[in-house]
Amino acid sequence: MSAPICFRLGYALQPNPDPIGLGLLTRFADIRCWSSVWIICGAVTFACAWLRVGRDGAGFFAALVPPFVWGSAFLWGALTGAYARGLALAAWYAIGHVGLILWAATVPEFSVPHAARRERR
């Protein structure tokens, strides 16, 4: 299991009572709720990966939601002065997550051609 998934599951199973830099999010919901957004969007993204070429747009959108929301929260924390490190984390989410997902969404996909059917004699 990758580190980001373990990290989000850790928030869901044993949340830190005061997650640093995520004050904007925790005003509206508990950190367990926000970690479940990562888990649900990850499941949607995984499910959409198995759809036919051109029908997986919902997966890319679902993959964009959590890093955009969390990156925005860290940026807000940096701009308000509540979390100075938030600017670096917001940039990391913007480039390492959102930027990469947007780039991957533009890569052309090709479907595998179906096998030719043999005619019966």
Protein backbone atom coordinates (compact mmCIF):
# COMPACT_ATOMS: atom_id res chain seq x y z
CA MET A 1 0.00 0.00 0.00
CA SER A 2 1.40 3.40 -0.89
CA ALA A 3 2.25 6.02 1.70
CA PRO A 4 -0.47 8.55 0.72
CA ILE A 5 -3.20 5.93 1.09
CA CYS A 6 -1.83 4.77 4.44
CA PHE A 7 -1.65 8.41 5.51
CA ARG A 8 -5.34 9.00 4.66
CA LEU A 9 -6.42 5.74 6.27
CA GLY A 10 -4.52 6.85 9.37
CA TYR A 11 -6.62 10.01 9.48
CA ALA A 12 -9.77 7.90 9.13
CA LEU A 13 -8.85 5.30 11.76
CA GLN A 14 -6.88 7.36 14.29
CA PRO A 15 -7.28 11.03 13.50
CA ASN A 16 -4.94 13.63 14.88
CA PRO A 17 -7.13 15.83 17.11
CA ASP A 18 -5.64 19.02 15.65
CA PRO A 19 -4.39 18.47 12.10
CA ILE A 20 -1.94 21.29 11.49
CA GLY A 21 -2.72 23.45 8.48
CA LEU A 22 -6.17 22.03 7.83
CA GLY A 23 -8.13 24.48 9.98
CA LEU A 24 -10.23 25.62 7.03
CA LEU A 25 -11.45 22.06 6.48
CA THR A 26 -12.00 21.18 10.12
CA ARG A 27 -14.29 24.20 10.52
CA PHE A 28 -16.81 22.44 8.32
CA ALA A 29 -16.31 18.75 9.16
CA ASP A 30 -14.21 16.39 11.21
CA ILE A 31 -10.91 15.18 9.76
CA ARG A 32 -12.42 11.68 9.47
CA CYS A 33 -14.95 13.10 7.02
CA TRP A 34 -12.20 14.70 4.94
CA SER A 35 -10.11 11.54 4.95
CA SER A 36 -13.14 9.62 3.72
CA VAL A 37 -13.27 12.03 0.76
CA TRP A 38 -9.81 10.74 -0.23
CA ILE A 39 -10.90 7.14 0.19
CA ILE A 40 -14.18 7.50 -1.73
CA CYS A 41 -12.62 9.50 -4.55
CA GLY A 42 -9.80 6.96 -4.76
CA ALA A 43 -12.34 4.15 -5.10
CA VAL A 44 -14.20 6.05 -7.84
CA THR A 45 -10.92 6.72 -9.65
CA PHE A 46 -9.96 3.05 -9.44
CA ALA A 47 -13.37 1.93 -10.71
CA CYS A 48 -13.24 4.38 -13.62
CA ALA A 49 -9.81 3.11 -14.63
CA TRP A 50 -11.50 -0.07 -15.90
CA LEU A 51 -13.99 1.73 -18.14
CA ARG A 52 -13.60 1.96 -21.90
CA VAL A 53 -11.36 4.61 -23.38
CA GLY A 54 -13.06 8.00 -23.33
CA ARG A 55 -15.50 7.08 -20.57
CA ASP A 56 -13.10 7.52 -17.65
CA GLY A 57 -13.49 11.28 -17.25
CA ALA A 58 -15.32 10.92 -13.94
CA GLY A 59 -12.27 9.12 -12.58
CA PHE A 60 -10.00 12.02 -13.44
CA PHE A 61 -12.44 14.45 -11.86
CA ALA A 62 -12.68 12.30 -8.72
CA ALA A 63 -8.89 12.15 -8.55
CA LEU A 64 -8.68 15.95 -8.69
CA VAL A 65 -11.11 16.70 -5.87
CA PRO A 66 -9.14 15.68 -2.73
CA PRO A 67 -5.75 17.23 -3.60
CA PHE A 68 -7.45 20.41 -4.81
CA VAL A 69 -9.46 20.71 -1.57
CA TRP A 70 -6.53 19.91 0.71
CA GLY A 71 -4.11 22.07 -1.27
CA SER A 72 -6.56 24.96 -1.06
CA ALA A 73 -6.83 24.48 2.71
CA PHE A 74 -3.04 24.56 3.07
CA LEU A 75 -2.85 27.65 0.86
CA TRP A 76 -5.50 29.35 2.99
CA GLY A 77 -3.54 28.47 6.12
CA ALA A 78 -0.42 30.03 4.62
CA LEU A 79 -2.22 33.18 3.45
CA THR A 80 -3.86 33.74 6.84
CA GLY A 81 -0.58 33.12 8.67
CA ALA A 82 -1.95 30.14 10.59
CA TYR A 83 0.44 27.68 8.93
CA ALA A 84 3.54 29.09 7.25
CA ARG A 85 4.53 25.72 5.77
CA GLY A 86 1.16 25.60 4.01
CA LEU A 87 2.49 27.41 0.95
CA ALA A 88 5.01 24.64 0.26
CA LEU A 89 2.37 21.98 0.77
CA ALA A 90 -0.12 23.81 -1.45
CA ALA A 91 2.52 23.98 -4.19
CA TRP A 92 3.27 20.29 -3.73
CA TYR A 93 -0.41 19.40 -4.11
CA ALA A 94 -0.77 21.73 -7.12
CA ILE A 95 2.24 20.36 -8.98
CA GLY A 96 2.59 16.82 -7.69
CA HIS A 97 -1.07 15.92 -7.65
CA VAL A 98 -3.35 18.28 -9.56
CA GLY A 99 -0.81 19.06 -12.29
CA LEU A 100 0.07 15.42 -12.77
CA ILE A 101 -3.58 14.36 -12.95
CA LEU A 102 -4.39 17.11 -15.45
CA TRP A 103 -1.43 16.04 -17.58
CA ALA A 104 -2.47 12.37 -17.40
CA ALA A 105 -5.97 13.32 -18.52
CA THR A 106 -4.53 14.77 -21.75
CA VAL A 107 -2.43 11.74 -22.69
CA PRO A 108 -4.06 10.01 -25.66
CA GLU A 109 -5.45 6.57 -24.95
CA PHE A 110 -5.92 3.82 -27.45
CA SER A 111 -8.16 0.84 -27.01
CA VAL A 112 -7.01 -2.62 -27.87
CA PRO A 113 -8.70 -3.84 -31.05
CA HIS A 114 -11.04 -6.75 -30.73
CA ALA A 115 -9.86 -10.07 -32.06
CA ALA A 116 -11.13 -10.85 -35.54
CA ARG A 117 -13.94 -13.39 -35.55
CA ARG A 118 -13.53 -16.44 -37.66
CA GLU A 119 -16.41 -17.44 -39.84
CA ARG A 120 -17.73 -20.95 -39.35
CA ARG A 121 -17.98 -23.18 -42.37
